[in-house]
Amino acid sequence: MVRQVRAGQSVRWFYRWFDRALAEYAIKLTRSPHSVADGDVEVLREVGLDDEAISHAAQVISLFNYYNRIVDGLGADDEPDWA
């Protein structure tokens, strides 16, 4: 599939597949991080992410999860009134 994209074929399809693969990884990492397996990472490689990009994605997903848990856990207002 990555070869097809590099050859200029099915670019629109690729972006939908890429987005879906990354979204599914984010959902799994958020809901059940203990169940993330090598196969989940391999799917991201298949859509063209290298190990550095996968690491960055995992870090961003995890930071958003962390932030949301802190805000929810403290009952903080994540959008204070700036007026």
Protein backbone atom coordinates (compact mmCIF):
# COMPACT_ATOMS: atom_id res chain seq x y z
CA MET A 1 0.00 0.00 0.00
CA VAL A 2 2.81 2.46 0.81
CA ARG A 3 4.39 1.59 -2.54
CA GLN A 4 1.12 2.56 -4.25
CA VAL A 5 1.13 5.95 -2.58
CA ARG A 6 4.76 6.55 -3.43
CA ALA A 7 3.90 5.67 -7.03
CA GLY A 8 1.16 8.31 -6.98
CA GLN A 9 -1.75 5.90 -6.77
CA SER A 10 -4.69 6.03 -4.37
CA VAL A 11 -3.44 9.02 -2.39
CA ARG A 12 -6.91 9.92 -1.10
CA TRP A 13 -7.44 6.31 0.03
CA PHE A 14 -4.05 6.31 1.72
CA TYR A 15 -4.79 9.38 3.81
CA ARG A 16 -8.08 7.88 4.96
CA TRP A 17 -6.26 4.64 5.86
CA PHE A 18 -3.40 6.53 7.50
CA ASP A 19 -5.80 8.64 9.58
CA ARG A 20 -7.80 5.58 10.56
CA ALA A 21 -4.69 3.61 11.57
CA LEU A 22 -3.43 6.47 13.72
CA ALA A 23 -6.87 7.06 15.26
CA GLU A 24 -7.29 3.36 16.09
CA TYR A 25 -3.85 3.35 17.71
CA ALA A 26 -4.75 6.46 19.73
CA ILE A 27 -8.01 4.90 20.90
CA LYS A 28 -6.30 1.68 21.93
CA LEU A 29 -3.46 3.50 23.69
CA THR A 30 -6.04 5.63 25.53
CA ARG A 31 -8.54 2.96 26.50
CA SER A 32 -6.31 -0.05 27.11
CA PRO A 33 -2.61 0.79 26.90
CA HIS A 34 -1.67 -2.61 28.30
CA SER A 35 -3.11 -4.26 25.20
CA VAL A 36 -1.00 -2.36 22.64
CA ALA A 37 1.09 -4.99 20.88
CA ASP A 38 3.79 -5.20 18.22
CA GLY A 39 1.09 -5.67 15.58
CA ASP A 40 -0.43 -2.29 16.40
CA VAL A 41 2.91 -0.59 15.86
CA GLU A 42 3.50 -2.58 12.68
CA VAL A 43 0.26 -1.21 11.22
CA LEU A 44 1.61 2.30 11.73
CA ARG A 45 4.83 1.32 9.96
CA GLU A 46 2.78 -0.07 7.07
CA VAL A 47 1.13 3.31 6.52
CA GLY A 48 4.53 4.99 6.38
CA LEU A 49 5.45 6.05 9.92
CA ASP A 50 8.99 5.40 11.04
CA ASP A 51 9.92 4.57 14.63
CA GLU A 52 10.59 8.21 15.51
CA ALA A 53 7.16 9.30 14.23
CA ILE A 54 5.49 6.44 16.11
CA SER A 55 7.31 7.47 19.27
CA HIS A 56 6.18 11.07 18.82
CA ALA A 57 2.60 9.96 18.22
CA ALA A 58 2.61 7.82 21.36
CA GLN A 59 4.03 10.70 23.39
CA VAL A 60 1.47 13.23 22.13
CA ILE A 61 -1.41 10.81 22.69
CA SER A 62 -0.14 10.04 26.18
CA LEU A 63 0.36 13.71 27.05
CA PHE A 64 -3.21 14.53 26.01
CA ASN A 65 -4.43 11.63 28.15
CA TYR A 66 -2.33 12.84 31.07
CA TYR A 67 -3.58 16.40 30.74
CA ASN A 68 -7.21 15.32 30.55
CA ARG A 69 -6.84 13.11 33.62
CA ILE A 70 -5.24 15.91 35.64
CA VAL A 71 -7.94 18.39 34.64
CA ASP A 72 -10.74 15.91 35.30
CA GLY A 73 -9.16 14.60 38.50
CA LEU A 74 -8.75 18.05 39.99
CA GLY A 75 -12.03 19.40 38.70
CA ALA A 76 -10.05 22.17 37.05
CA ASP A 77 -11.46 24.37 34.36
CA ASP A 78 -9.37 23.66 31.28
CA GLU A 79 -10.77 26.76 29.57
CA PRO A 80 -10.69 29.57 32.14
CA ASP A 81 -12.52 32.77 31.44
CA TRP A 82 -9.84 35.05 30.01
CA ALA A 83 -12.13 38.10 29.92
